Amino acid sequence: MNILSFDTTLAACSVACVAINPDSGEIDVLASMRTAMARGHAEALVPMIERTMTESNLDFTQLNRIAVTTGPGSFTGLRVGVATARGLGLALGIPVIGVVTLDALARDFADANPDNLKPFVVLLDARRGQLYLRNYDADAIPIDDPSVCDVAETGRRISSPDCLLVGPGADILVASAPVGFTHGGIAALRFVDGPSARNVAVTAALDDRPGSPPIPLYLRPADAKPQSHKSLARR
Protein backbone atom coordinates (compact mmCIF):
# COMPACT_ATOMS: atom_id res chain seq x y z
CA MET A 1 0.00 0.00 0.00
CA ASN A 2 1.48 3.34 -1.11
CA ILE A 3 0.37 6.33 0.94
CA LEU A 4 1.06 10.01 0.42
CA SER A 5 0.72 11.71 3.80
CA PHE A 6 1.11 15.23 5.10
CA ASP A 7 0.60 17.44 8.12
CA THR A 8 -0.01 21.19 8.19
CA THR A 9 -1.84 21.58 11.49
CA LEU A 10 0.83 23.06 13.77
CA ALA A 11 4.14 24.85 13.18
CA ALA A 12 5.62 22.63 10.46
CA CYS A 13 4.81 21.32 7.01
CA SER A 14 5.62 17.63 6.75
CA VAL A 15 5.15 15.34 3.73
CA ALA A 16 6.03 11.69 3.14
CA CYS A 17 5.45 8.92 0.64
CA VAL A 18 5.32 5.64 2.54
CA ALA A 19 5.02 2.04 1.35
CA ILE A 20 3.41 -0.27 3.90
CA ASN A 21 3.11 -4.03 3.49
CA PRO A 22 -0.34 -4.89 4.89
CA ASP A 23 0.68 -8.52 5.52
CA SER A 24 4.07 -8.10 7.22
CA GLY A 25 3.53 -4.56 8.54
CA GLU A 26 6.89 -3.53 7.07
CA ILE A 27 7.14 0.25 6.64
CA ASP A 28 9.36 1.84 4.00
CA VAL A 29 9.61 5.64 3.84
CA LEU A 30 10.30 6.21 0.13
CA ALA A 31 10.77 9.96 0.52
CA SER A 32 9.97 12.66 3.06
CA MET A 33 10.36 16.37 3.70
CA ARG A 34 9.82 18.55 6.74
CA THR A 35 10.04 22.33 7.14
CA ALA A 36 9.34 24.32 10.28
CA MET A 37 6.92 27.19 9.62
CA ALA A 38 4.33 29.04 11.65
CA ARG A 39 2.70 30.37 8.46
CA GLY A 40 2.89 29.78 4.73
CA HIS A 41 1.59 26.20 4.56
CA ALA A 42 -0.61 27.04 1.57
CA GLU A 43 2.41 28.14 -0.50
CA ALA A 44 4.73 25.37 0.69
CA LEU A 45 2.57 22.24 0.65
CA VAL A 46 2.05 21.53 -3.07
CA PRO A 47 5.74 22.07 -4.05
CA MET A 48 6.75 19.77 -1.17
CA ILE A 49 4.29 17.13 -2.36
CA GLU A 50 5.66 17.35 -5.91
CA ARG A 51 9.27 17.03 -4.73
CA THR A 52 8.45 14.15 -2.37
CA MET A 53 6.69 12.22 -5.13
CA THR A 54 9.63 12.82 -7.49
CA GLU A 55 12.11 11.55 -4.92
CA SER A 56 9.94 8.51 -4.16
CA ASN A 57 10.13 7.38 -7.80
CA LEU A 58 6.39 6.76 -7.74
CA ASP A 59 3.76 8.21 -10.02
CA PHE A 60 0.64 9.68 -8.44
CA THR A 61 -1.35 6.89 -10.13
CA GLN A 62 0.56 4.35 -8.00
CA LEU A 63 -0.81 5.78 -4.75
CA ASN A 64 -3.46 3.82 -2.86
CA ARG A 65 -4.37 6.36 -0.20
CA ILE A 66 -3.93 9.97 0.81
CA ALA A 67 -3.54 10.65 4.55
CA VAL A 68 -3.85 14.05 6.19
CA THR A 69 -4.03 15.40 9.72
CA THR A 70 -7.36 17.03 10.51
CA GLY A 71 -6.52 18.83 13.76
CA PRO A 72 -6.63 20.11 16.36
CA GLY A 73 -4.29 22.89 15.38
CA SER A 74 -4.06 26.04 13.32
CA PHE A 75 -7.40 26.76 11.66
CA THR A 76 -5.75 27.97 8.45
CA GLY A 77 -3.16 25.20 8.36
CA LEU A 78 -5.56 22.32 8.83
CA ARG A 79 -7.94 23.71 6.19
CA VAL A 80 -5.04 23.89 3.72
CA GLY A 81 -4.11 20.27 4.37
CA VAL A 82 -7.62 18.86 4.26
CA ALA A 83 -8.56 20.76 1.09
CA THR A 84 -5.39 19.63 -0.68
CA ALA A 85 -5.91 16.00 0.37
CA ARG A 86 -9.52 15.96 -0.73
CA GLY A 87 -8.60 17.50 -4.09
CA LEU A 88 -5.89 14.91 -4.71
CA GLY A 89 -8.15 12.07 -3.65
CA LEU A 90 -10.90 13.24 -5.98
CA ALA A 91 -8.51 13.63 -8.92
CA LEU A 92 -6.89 10.23 -8.36
CA GLY A 93 -10.05 8.38 -7.35
CA ILE A 94 -8.50 6.99 -4.14
CA PRO A 95 -9.57 7.15 -0.46
CA VAL A 96 -8.54 10.09 1.70
CA ILE A 97 -8.05 9.25 5.38
CA GLY A 98 -8.21 11.88 8.09
CA VAL A 99 -5.89 11.41 11.08
CA VAL A 100 -6.28 13.26 14.37
CA THR A 101 -3.08 15.24 14.96
CA LEU A 102 -2.87 14.00 18.55
CA ASP A 103 -3.01 10.37 17.34
CA ALA A 104 -0.05 10.81 15.00
CA LEU A 105 1.90 12.54 17.78
CA ALA A 106 1.05 9.64 20.11
CA ARG A 107 2.46 7.20 17.58
CA ASP A 108 5.62 9.33 17.29
CA PHE A 109 5.97 9.05 21.07
CA ALA A 110 5.35 5.30 21.08
CA ASP A 111 7.98 4.74 18.37
CA ALA A 112 10.56 6.77 20.30
CA ASN A 113 9.71 5.06 23.60
CA PRO A 114 9.05 1.38 22.82
CA ASP A 115 9.51 0.36 26.47
CA ASN A 116 6.85 2.73 27.80
CA LEU A 117 4.48 0.68 29.97
CA LYS A 118 2.23 3.50 31.13
CA PRO A 119 -0.92 5.04 29.77
CA PHE A 120 -0.16 8.56 28.60
CA VAL A 121 -1.88 11.75 27.57
CA VAL A 122 -0.72 14.02 24.74
CA LEU A 123 -1.04 17.69 25.68
CA LEU A 124 -0.71 20.63 23.30
CA ASP A 125 -0.89 24.33 24.05
CA ALA A 126 -4.19 25.58 22.63
CA ARG A 127 -3.47 29.12 23.90
CA ARG A 128 -6.02 31.33 25.64
CA GLY A 129 -5.29 29.34 28.83
CA GLN A 130 -6.39 26.05 27.29
CA LEU A 131 -4.88 22.70 26.30
CA TYR A 132 -5.70 20.17 23.59
CA LEU A 133 -5.50 16.62 24.92
CA ARG A 134 -6.29 12.96 24.36
CA ASN A 135 -5.63 9.93 26.56
CA TYR A 136 -3.92 6.76 25.27
CA ASP A 137 -3.10 3.34 26.63
CA ALA A 138 0.51 2.14 26.72
CA ASP A 139 0.21 0.97 23.07
CA ALA A 140 -0.83 4.44 21.85
CA ILE A 141 -4.45 3.40 21.34
CA PRO A 142 -6.82 6.30 22.15
CA ILE A 143 -9.19 5.69 25.05
CA ASP A 144 -11.31 8.84 24.75
CA ASP A 145 -12.16 11.59 22.30
CA PRO A 146 -9.83 14.53 21.62
CA SER A 147 -10.85 17.58 23.62
CA VAL A 148 -9.92 21.11 24.64
CA CYS A 149 -10.30 22.52 28.13
CA ASP A 150 -9.02 25.19 30.47
CA VAL A 151 -5.69 24.34 32.06
CA ALA A 152 -7.31 24.36 35.51
CA GLU A 153 -9.74 21.62 34.42
CA THR A 154 -7.23 19.41 32.64
CA GLY A 155 -6.39 17.26 35.65
CA ARG A 156 -9.94 15.91 35.71
CA ARG A 157 -9.61 14.82 32.06
CA ILE A 158 -6.53 12.64 32.62
CA SER A 159 -7.25 8.92 32.69
CA SER A 160 -5.30 7.96 35.82
CA PRO A 161 -3.07 9.49 38.55
CA ASP A 162 0.01 7.67 37.21
CA CYS A 163 -0.60 8.72 33.60
CA LEU A 164 2.48 10.02 31.78
CA LEU A 165 2.17 13.62 30.57
CA VAL A 166 3.52 13.94 27.03
CA GLY A 167 4.08 17.01 24.90
CA PRO A 168 4.62 20.76 25.25
CA GLY A 169 1.39 21.19 27.20
CA ALA A 170 2.74 19.04 30.05
CA ASP A 171 4.89 21.79 31.55
CA ILE A 172 2.00 24.24 31.26
CA LEU A 173 -0.27 21.86 33.14
CA VAL A 174 2.22 21.12 35.92
CA ALA A 175 3.01 24.82 36.40
CA SER A 176 -0.69 25.61 36.85
CA ALA A 177 -1.85 22.42 38.55
CA PRO A 178 -3.61 22.60 41.91
CA VAL A 179 -1.96 21.34 45.08
CA GLY A 180 -2.09 17.56 45.25
CA PHE A 181 -2.09 16.99 41.49
CA THR A 182 -0.25 13.75 40.70
CA HIS A 183 1.01 12.21 37.48
CA GLY A 184 3.36 9.53 36.27
CA GLY A 185 6.05 11.85 34.93
CA ILE A 186 6.67 14.20 32.03
CA ALA A 187 8.03 13.16 28.62
CA ALA A 188 8.89 15.07 25.47
CA LEU A 189 7.60 14.48 21.97
CA ARG A 190 10.03 13.84 19.14
CA PHE A 191 8.49 16.76 17.23
CA VAL A 192 6.68 19.57 19.03
CA ASP A 193 5.83 21.49 15.84
CA GLY A 194 3.72 18.70 14.30
CA PRO A 195 3.74 14.93 13.88
CA SER A 196 5.92 13.04 11.43
CA ALA A 197 4.24 12.46 8.09
CA ARG A 198 5.48 8.87 8.38
CA ASN A 199 3.23 8.22 11.33
CA VAL A 200 0.33 10.05 9.72
CA ALA A 201 0.60 7.38 7.02
CA VAL A 202 0.97 4.53 9.52
CA THR A 203 -2.10 5.67 11.45
CA ALA A 204 -4.09 5.95 8.23
CA ALA A 205 -3.00 2.47 7.14
CA LEU A 206 -4.54 1.04 10.30
CA ASP A 207 -7.87 2.69 9.52
CA ASP A 208 -10.09 0.13 7.81
CA ARG A 209 -13.04 2.54 7.64
CA PRO A 210 -12.20 4.94 4.78
CA GLY A 211 -15.77 6.30 4.80
CA SER A 212 -16.43 9.91 3.81
CA PRO A 213 -13.74 12.46 2.95
CA PRO A 214 -12.22 14.00 6.10
CA ILE A 215 -13.28 17.35 7.50
CA PRO A 216 -11.30 19.67 9.80
CA LEU A 217 -11.54 18.83 13.50
CA TYR A 218 -12.52 22.05 15.25
CA LEU A 219 -12.55 21.69 19.02
CA ARG A 220 -13.44 25.35 19.56
CA PRO A 221 -14.51 28.36 17.47
CA ALA A 222 -11.94 30.24 15.41
CA ASP A 223 -10.08 33.13 17.05
CA ALA A 224 -10.92 35.44 14.15
CA LYS A 225 -14.39 36.95 14.24
CA PRO A 226 -16.29 38.75 11.48
CA GLN A 227 -16.09 42.54 11.81
CA SER A 228 -19.80 43.07 11.52
CA HIS A 229 -19.63 46.62 12.85
CA LYS A 230 -17.65 47.61 9.73
CA SER A 231 -20.10 46.12 7.27
CA LEU A 232 -22.17 48.36 5.04
CA ALA A 233 -25.83 48.47 5.94
CA ARG A 234 -28.07 46.64 3.50
CA ARG A 235 -30.79 48.58 1.71
C-alpha atoms as a PDB file:
ATOM      1  CA  MET A   1       0.000   0.000   0.000  1.00  0.00           C
ATOM      2  CA  ASN A   2       1.484   3.337  -1.115  1.00  0.00           C
ATOM      3  CA  ILE A   3       0.368   6.326   0.942  1.00  0.00           C
ATOM      4  CA  LEU A   4       1.056  10.009   0.421  1.00  0.00           C
ATOM      5  CA  SER A   5       0.718  11.709   3.799  1.00  0.00           C
ATOM      6  CA  PHE A   6       1.105  15.226   5.101  1.00  0.00           C
ATOM      7  CA  ASP A   7       0.604  17.443   8.125  1.00  0.00           C
ATOM      8  CA  THR A   8      -0.011  21.192   8.185  1.00  0.00           C
ATOM      9  CA  THR A   9      -1.840  21.577  11.491  1.00  0.00           C
ATOM     10  CA  LEU A  10       0.831  23.057  13.770  1.00  0.00           C
ATOM     11  CA  ALA A  11       4.140  24.851  13.176  1.00  0.00           C
ATOM     12  CA  ALA A  12       5.620  22.626  10.464  1.00  0.00           C
ATOM     13  CA  CYS A  13       4.812  21.324   7.009  1.00  0.00           C
ATOM     14  CA  SER A  14       5.622  17.627   6.746  1.00  0.00           C
ATOM     15  CA  VAL A  15       5.148  15.343   3.727  1.00  0.00           C
ATOM     16  CA  ALA A  16       6.032  11.687   3.144  1.00  0.00           C
ATOM     17  CA  CYS A  17       5.452   8.923   0.645  1.00  0.00           C
ATOM     18  CA  VAL A  18       5.317   5.641   2.537  1.00  0.00           C
ATOM     19  CA  ALA A  19       5.025   2.040   1.346  1.00  0.00           C
ATOM     20  CA  ILE A  20       3.408  -0.272   3.900  1.00  0.00           C
ATOM     21  CA  ASN A  21       3.108  -4.026   3.493  1.00  0.00           C
ATOM     22  CA  PRO A  22      -0.343  -4.888   4.888  1.00  0.00           C
ATOM     23  CA  ASP A  23       0.680  -8.516   5.521  1.00  0.00           C
ATOM     24  CA  SER A  24       4.065  -8.100   7.225  1.00  0.00           C
ATOM     25  CA  GLY A  25       3.531  -4.564   8.537  1.00  0.00           C
ATOM     26  CA  GLU A  26       6.889  -3.530   7.065  1.00  0.00           C
ATOM     27  CA  ILE A  27       7.144   0.253   6.645  1.00  0.00           C
ATOM     28  CA  ASP A  28       9.358   1.843   3.996  1.00  0.00           C
ATOM     29  CA  VAL A  29       9.614   5.638   3.836  1.00  0.00           C
ATOM     30  CA  LEU A  30      10.300   6.214   0.132  1.00  0.00           C
ATOM     31  CA  ALA A  31      10.767   9.959   0.524  1.00  0.00           C
ATOM     32  CA  SER A  32       9.968  12.656   3.065  1.00  0.00           C
ATOM     33  CA  MET A  33      10.357  16.367   3.695  1.00  0.00           C
ATOM     34  CA  ARG A  34       9.823  18.555   6.738  1.00  0.00           C
ATOM     35  CA  THR A  35      10.043  22.330   7.140  1.00  0.00           C
ATOM     36  CA  ALA A  36       9.337  24.322  10.283  1.00  0.00           C
ATOM     37  CA  MET A  37       6.919  27.185   9.618  1.00  0.00           C
ATOM     38  CA  ALA A  38       4.335  29.038  11.649  1.00  0.00           C
ATOM     39  CA  ARG A  39       2.698  30.367   8.462  1.00  0.00           C
ATOM     40  CA  GLY A  40       2.887  29.776   4.734  1.00  0.00           C
ATOM     41  CA  HIS A  41       1.589  26.197   4.556  1.00  0.00           C
ATOM     42  CA  ALA A  42      -0.608  27.042   1.568  1.00  0.00           C
ATOM     43  CA  GLU A  43       2.409  28.137  -0.498  1.00  0.00           C
ATOM     44  CA  ALA A  44       4.735  25.366   0.693  1.00  0.00           C
ATOM     45  CA  LEU A  45       2.568  22.240   0.651  1.00  0.00           C
ATOM     46  CA  VAL A  46       2.052  21.526  -3.066  1.00  0.00           C
ATOM     47  CA  PRO A  47       5.736  22.066  -4.052  1.00  0.00           C
ATOM     48  CA  MET A  48       6.753  19.772  -1.167  1.00  0.00           C
ATOM     49  CA  ILE A  49       4.293  17.128  -2.359  1.00  0.00           C
ATOM     50  CA  GLU A  50       5.663  17.351  -5.912  1.00  0.00           C
ATOM     51  CA  ARG A  51       9.266  17.028  -4.733  1.00  0.00           C
ATOM     52  CA  THR A  52       8.448  14.152  -2.373  1.00  0.00           C
ATOM     53  CA  MET A  53       6.689  12.220  -5.129  1.00  0.00           C
ATOM     54  CA  THR A  54       9.627  12.815  -7.494  1.00  0.00           C
ATOM     55  CA  GLU A  55      12.108  11.551  -4.918  1.00  0.00           C
ATOM     56  CA  SER A  56       9.940   8.508  -4.164  1.00  0.00           C
ATOM     57  CA  ASN A  57      10.131   7.375  -7.804  1.00  0.00           C
ATOM     58  CA  LEU A  58       6.394   6.763  -7.743  1.00  0.00           C
ATOM     59  CA  ASP A  59       3.762   8.208 -10.016  1.00  0.00           C
ATOM     60  CA  PHE A  60       0.637   9.680  -8.442  1.00  0.00           C
ATOM     61  CA  THR A  61      -1.348   6.891 -10.129  1.00  0.00           C
ATOM     62  CA  GLN A  62       0.559   4.350  -8.003  1.00  0.00           C
ATOM     63  CA  LEU A  63      -0.814   5.776  -4.752  1.00  0.00           C
ATOM     64  CA  ASN A  64      -3.457   3.816  -2.863  1.00  0.00           C
ATOM     65  CA  ARG A  65      -4.372   6.361  -0.199  1.00  0.00           C
ATOM     66  CA  ILE A  66      -3.929   9.974   0.815  1.00  0.00           C
ATOM     67  CA  ALA A  67      -3.537  10.648   4.549  1.00  0.00           C
ATOM     68  CA  VAL A  68      -3.850  14.055   6.192  1.00  0.00           C
ATOM     69  CA  THR A  69      -4.027  15.399   9.718  1.00  0.00           C
ATOM     70  CA  THR A  70      -7.358  17.027  10.508  1.00  0.00           C
ATOM     71  CA  GLY A  71      -6.522  18.826  13.763  1.00  0.00           C
ATOM     72  CA  PRO A  72      -6.634  20.111  16.363  1.00  0.00           C
ATOM     73  CA  GLY A  73      -4.286  22.890  15.382  1.00  0.00           C
ATOM     74  CA  SER A  74      -4.060  26.037  13.322  1.00  0.00           C
ATOM     75  CA  PHE A  75      -7.396  26.759  11.661  1.00  0.00           C
ATOM     76  CA  THR A  76      -5.747  27.970   8.452  1.00  0.00           C
ATOM     77  CA  GLY A  77      -3.159  25.198   8.362  1.00  0.00           C
ATOM     78  CA  LEU A  78      -5.562  22.324   8.834  1.00  0.00           C
ATOM     79  CA  ARG A  79      -7.936  23.712   6.188  1.00  0.00           C
ATOM     80  CA  VAL A  80      -5.039  23.890   3.719  1.00  0.00           C
ATOM     81  CA  GLY A  81      -4.106  20.271   4.373  1.00  0.00           C
ATOM     82  CA  VAL A  82      -7.624  18.865   4.263  1.00  0.00           C
ATOM     83  CA  ALA A  83      -8.563  20.761   1.094  1.00  0.00           C
ATOM     84  CA  THR A  84      -5.390  19.628  -0.681  1.00  0.00           C
ATOM     85  CA  ALA A  85      -5.913  16.002   0.374  1.00  0.00           C
ATOM     86  CA  ARG A  86      -9.525  15.962  -0.733  1.00  0.00           C
ATOM     87  CA  GLY A  87      -8.603  17.498  -4.091  1.00  0.00           C
ATOM     88  CA  LEU A  88      -5.891  14.906  -4.707  1.00  0.00           C
ATOM     89  CA  GLY A  89      -8.149  12.067  -3.650  1.00  0.00           C
ATOM     90  CA  LEU A  90     -10.901  13.236  -5.976  1.00  0.00           C
ATOM     91  CA  ALA A  91      -8.510  13.628  -8.916  1.00  0.00           C
ATOM     92  CA  LEU A  92      -6.893  10.228  -8.360  1.00  0.00           C
ATOM     93  CA  GLY A  93     -10.045   8.377  -7.350  1.00  0.00           C
ATOM     94  CA  ILE A  94      -8.503   6.991  -4.144  1.00  0.00           C
ATOM     95  CA  PRO A  95      -9.568   7.155  -0.463  1.00  0.00           C
ATOM     96  CA  VAL A  96      -8.545  10.094   1.699  1.00  0.00           C
ATOM     97  CA  ILE A  97      -8.052   9.246   5.375  1.00  0.00           C
ATOM     98  CA  GLY A  98      -8.207  11.883   8.089  1.00  0.00           C
ATOM     99  CA  VAL A  99      -5.894  11.410  11.077  1.00  0.00           C
ATOM    100  CA  VAL A 100      -6.284  13.259  14.370  1.00  0.00           C
ATOM    101  CA  THR A 101      -3.083  15.243  14.960  1.00  0.00           C
ATOM    102  CA  LEU A 102      -2.866  14.001  18.552  1.00  0.00           C
ATOM    103  CA  ASP A 103      -3.009  10.366  17.338  1.00  0.00           C
ATOM    104  CA  ALA A 104      -0.049  10.815  14.998  1.00  0.00           C
ATOM    105  CA  LEU A 105       1.903  12.538  17.785  1.00  0.00           C
ATOM    106  CA  ALA A 106       1.050   9.645  20.108  1.00  0.00           C
ATOM    107  CA  ARG A 107       2.461   7.198  17.576  1.00  0.00           C
ATOM    108  CA  ASP A 108       5.616   9.328  17.290  1.00  0.00           C
ATOM    109  CA  PHE A 109       5.971   9.055  21.072  1.00  0.00           C
ATOM    110  CA  ALA A 110       5.348   5.302  21.084  1.00  0.00           C
ATOM    111  CA  ASP A 111       7.981   4.735  18.372  1.00  0.00           C
ATOM    112  CA  ALA A 112      10.558   6.769  20.298  1.00  0.00           C
ATOM    113  CA  ASN A 113       9.710   5.055  23.603  1.00  0.00           C
ATOM    114  CA  PRO A 114       9.050   1.382  22.820  1.00  0.00           C
ATOM    115  CA  ASP A 115       9.511   0.359  26.475  1.00  0.00           C
ATOM    116  CA  ASN A 116       6.850   2.727  27.804  1.00  0.00           C
ATOM    117  CA  LEU A 117       4.485   0.683  29.968  1.00  0.00           C
ATOM    118  CA  LYS A 118       2.227   3.498  31.129  1.00  0.00           C
ATOM    119  CA  PRO A 119      -0.923   5.044  29.774  1.00  0.00           C
ATOM    120  CA  PHE A 120      -0.158   8.557  28.601  1.00  0.00           C
ATOM    121  CA  VAL A 121      -1.878  11.748  27.573  1.00  0.00           C
ATOM    122  CA  VAL A 122      -0.722  14.016  24.741  1.00  0.00           C
ATOM    123  CA  LEU A 123      -1.042  17.686  25.683  1.00  0.00           C
ATOM    124  CA  LEU A 124      -0.713  20.627  23.296  1.00  0.00           C
ATOM    125  CA  ASP A 125      -0.893  24.325  24.048  1.00  0.00           C
ATOM    126  CA  ALA A 126      -4.190  25.582  22.632  1.00  0.00           C
ATOM    127  CA  ARG A 127      -3.471  29.118  23.899  1.00  0.00           C
ATOM    128  CA  ARG A 128      -6.015  31.329  25.643  1.00  0.00           C
ATOM    129  CA  GLY A 129      -5.292  29.340  28.826  1.00  0.00           C
ATOM    130  CA  GLN A 130      -6.389  26.045  27.289  1.00  0.00           C
ATOM    131  CA  LEU A 131      -4.881  22.699  26.301  1.00  0.00           C
ATOM    132  CA  TYR A 132      -5.703  20.166  23.594  1.00  0.00           C
ATOM    133  CA  LEU A 133      -5.503  16.619  24.915  1.00  0.00           C
ATOM    134  CA  ARG A 134      -6.291  12.959  24.356  1.00  0.00           C
ATOM    135  CA  ASN A 135      -5.630   9.926  26.560  1.00  0.00           C
ATOM    136  CA  TYR A 136      -3.921   6.760  25.269  1.00  0.00           C
ATOM    137  CA  ASP A 137      -3.100   3.340  26.633  1.00  0.00           C
ATOM    138  CA  ALA A 138       0.509   2.138  26.722  1.00  0.00           C
ATOM    139  CA  ASP A 139       0.205   0.975  23.073  1.00  0.00           C
ATOM    140  CA  ALA A 140      -0.834   4.437  21.848  1.00  0.00           C
ATOM    141  CA  ILE A 141      -4.454   3.400  21.340  1.00  0.00           C
ATOM    142  CA  PRO A 142      -6.820   6.299  22.154  1.00  0.00           C
ATOM    143  CA  ILE A 143      -9.193   5.691  25.052  1.00  0.00           C
ATOM    144  CA  ASP A 144     -11.307   8.838  24.753  1.00  0.00           C
ATOM    145  CA  ASP A 145     -12.161  11.595  22.300  1.00  0.00           C
ATOM    146  CA  PRO A 146      -9.835  14.534  21.619  1.00  0.00           C
ATOM    147  CA  SER A 147     -10.846  17.580  23.617  1.00  0.00           C
ATOM    148  CA  VAL A 148      -9.918  21.107  24.636  1.00  0.00           C
ATOM    149  CA  CYS A 149     -10.305  22.516  28.127  1.00  0.00           C
ATOM    150  CA  ASP A 150      -9.024  25.188  30.469  1.00  0.00           C
ATOM    151  CA  VAL A 151      -5.689  24.336  32.059  1.00  0.00           C
ATOM    152  CA  ALA A 152      -7.306  24.360  35.510  1.00  0.00           C
ATOM    153  CA  GLU A 153      -9.741  21.619  34.423  1.00  0.00           C
ATOM    154  CA  THR A 154      -7.225  19.405  32.636  1.00  0.00           C
ATOM    155  CA  GLY A 155      -6.385  17.258  35.655  1.00  0.00           C
ATOM    156  CA  ARG A 156      -9.936  15.914  35.706  1.00  0.00           C
ATOM    157  CA  ARG A 157      -9.615  14.821  32.063  1.00  0.00           C
ATOM    158  CA  ILE A 158      -6.533  12.641  32.623  1.00  0.00           C
ATOM    159  CA  SER A 159      -7.254   8.922  32.692  1.00  0.00           C
ATOM    160  CA  SER A 160      -5.299   7.957  35.823  1.00  0.00           C
ATOM    161  CA  PRO A 161      -3.070   9.491  38.545  1.00  0.00           C
ATOM    162  CA  ASP A 162       0.013   7.671  37.211  1.00  0.00           C
ATOM    163  CA  CYS A 163      -0.600   8.721  33.602  1.00  0.00           C
ATOM    164  CA  LEU A 164       2.485  10.018  31.784  1.00  0.00           C
ATOM    165  CA  LEU A 165       2.174  13.621  30.573  1.00  0.00           C
ATOM    166  CA  VAL A 166       3.518  13.944  27.030  1.00  0.00           C
ATOM    167  CA  GLY A 167       4.075  17.008  24.896  1.00  0.00           C
ATOM    168  CA  PRO A 168       4.618  20.757  25.254  1.00  0.00           C
ATOM    169  CA  GLY A 169       1.392  21.187  27.204  1.00  0.00           C
ATOM    170  CA  ALA A 170       2.736  19.038  30.053  1.00  0.00           C
ATOM    171  CA  ASP A 171       4.886  21.786  31.550  1.00  0.00           C
ATOM    172  CA  ILE A 172       2.002  24.241  31.262  1.00  0.00           C
ATOM    173  CA  LEU A 173      -0.274  21.861  33.140  1.00  0.00           C
ATOM    174  CA  VAL A 174       2.221  21.122  35.917  1.00  0.00           C
ATOM    175  CA  ALA A 175       3.013  24.823  36.403  1.00  0.00           C
ATOM    176  CA  SER A 176      -0.688  25.609  36.851  1.00  0.00           C
ATOM    177  CA  ALA A 177      -1.849  22.415  38.552  1.00  0.00           C
ATOM    178  CA  PRO A 178      -3.608  22.602  41.909  1.00  0.00           C
ATOM    179  CA  VAL A 179      -1.960  21.345  45.081  1.00  0.00           C
ATOM    180  CA  GLY A 180      -2.090  17.556  45.248  1.00  0.00           C
ATOM    181  CA  PHE A 181      -2.095  16.992  41.488  1.00  0.00           C
ATOM    182  CA  THR A 182      -0.253  13.750  40.699  1.00  0.00           C
ATOM    183  CA  HIS A 183       1.013  12.209  37.483  1.00  0.00           C
ATOM    184  CA  GLY A 184       3.364   9.533  36.272  1.00  0.00           C
ATOM    185  CA  GLY A 185       6.045  11.847  34.934  1.00  0.00           C
ATOM    186  CA  ILE A 186       6.674  14.197  32.026  1.00  0.00           C
ATOM    187  CA  ALA A 187       8.027  13.157  28.618  1.00  0.00           C
ATOM    188  CA  ALA A 188       8.895  15.067  25.467  1.00  0.00           C
ATOM    189  CA  LEU A 189       7.602  14.479  21.966  1.00  0.00           C
ATOM    190  CA  ARG A 190      10.034  13.844  19.138  1.00  0.00           C
ATOM    191  CA  PHE A 191       8.494  16.756  17.232  1.00  0.00           C
ATOM    192  CA  VAL A 192       6.678  19.574  19.029  1.00  0.00           C
ATOM    193  CA  ASP A 193       5.834  21.489  15.837  1.00  0.00           C
ATOM    194  CA  GLY A 194       3.724  18.702  14.305  1.00  0.00           C
ATOM    195  CA  PRO A 195       3.736  14.928  13.882  1.00  0.00           C
ATOM    196  CA  SER A 196       5.917  13.040  11.434  1.00  0.00           C
ATOM    197  CA  ALA A 197       4.241  12.463   8.090  1.00  0.00           C
ATOM    198  CA  ARG A 198       5.480   8.872   8.378  1.00  0.00           C
ATOM    199  CA  ASN A 199       3.230   8.217  11.326  1.00  0.00           C
ATOM    200  CA  VAL A 200       0.335  10.054   9.722  1.00  0.00           C
ATOM    201  CA  ALA A 201       0.597   7.380   7.023  1.00  0.00           C
ATOM    202  CA  VAL A 202       0.967   4.526   9.518  1.00  0.00           C
ATOM    203  CA  THR A 203      -2.100   5.670  11.450  1.00  0.00           C
ATOM    204  CA  ALA A 204      -4.085   5.950   8.232  1.00  0.00           C
ATOM    205  CA  ALA A 205      -3.004   2.465   7.138  1.00  0.00           C
ATOM    206  CA  LEU A 206      -4.543   1.043  10.301  1.00  0.00           C
ATOM    207  CA  ASP A 207      -7.871   2.690   9.524  1.00  0.00           C
ATOM    208  CA  ASP A 208     -10.088   0.127   7.812  1.00  0.00           C
ATOM    209  CA  ARG A 209     -13.044   2.541   7.636  1.00  0.00           C
ATOM    210  CA  PRO A 210     -12.198   4.942   4.780  1.00  0.00           C
ATOM    211  CA  GLY A 211     -15.769   6.301   4.805  1.00  0.00           C
ATOM    212  CA  SER A 212     -16.430   9.907   3.813  1.00  0.00           C
ATOM    213  CA  PRO A 213     -13.736  12.458   2.948  1.00  0.00           C
ATOM    214  CA  PRO A 214     -12.225  14.002   6.099  1.00  0.00           C
ATOM    215  CA  ILE A 215     -13.283  17.352   7.501  1.00  0.00           C
ATOM    216  CA  PRO A 216     -11.302  19.674   9.799  1.00  0.00           C
ATOM    217  CA  LEU A 217     -11.540  18.831  13.496  1.00  0.00           C
ATOM    218  CA  TYR A 218     -12.516  22.047  15.247  1.00  0.00           C
ATOM    219  CA  LEU A 219     -12.549  21.695  19.024  1.00  0.00           C
ATOM    220  CA  ARG A 220     -13.437  25.352  19.558  1.00  0.00           C
ATOM    221  CA  PRO A 221     -14.512  28.355  17.466  1.00  0.00           C
ATOM    222  CA  ALA A 222     -11.942  30.240  15.415  1.00  0.00           C
ATOM    223  CA  ASP A 223     -10.080  33.133  17.051  1.00  0.00           C
ATOM    224  CA  ALA A 224     -10.925  35.437  14.147  1.00  0.00           C
ATOM    225  CA  LYS A 225     -14.395  36.950  14.244  1.00  0.00           C
ATOM    226  CA  PRO A 226     -16.295  38.748  11.480  1.00  0.00           C
ATOM    227  CA  GLN A 227     -16.092  42.540  11.815  1.00  0.00           C
ATOM    228  CA  SER A 228     -19.805  43.067  11.525  1.00  0.00           C
ATOM    229  CA  HIS A 229     -19.627  46.615  12.850  1.00  0.00           C
ATOM    230  CA  LYS A 230     -17.649  47.611   9.732  1.00  0.00           C
ATOM    231  CA  SER A 231     -20.102  46.120   7.271  1.00  0.00           C
ATOM    232  CA  LEU A 232     -22.174  48.357   5.042  1.00  0.00           C
ATOM    233  CA  ALA A 233     -25.829  48.471   5.938  1.00  0.00           C
ATOM    234  CA  ARG A 234     -28.070  46.636   3.505  1.00  0.00           C
ATOM    235  CA  ARG A 235     -30.788  48.575   1.712  1.00  0.00           C
END
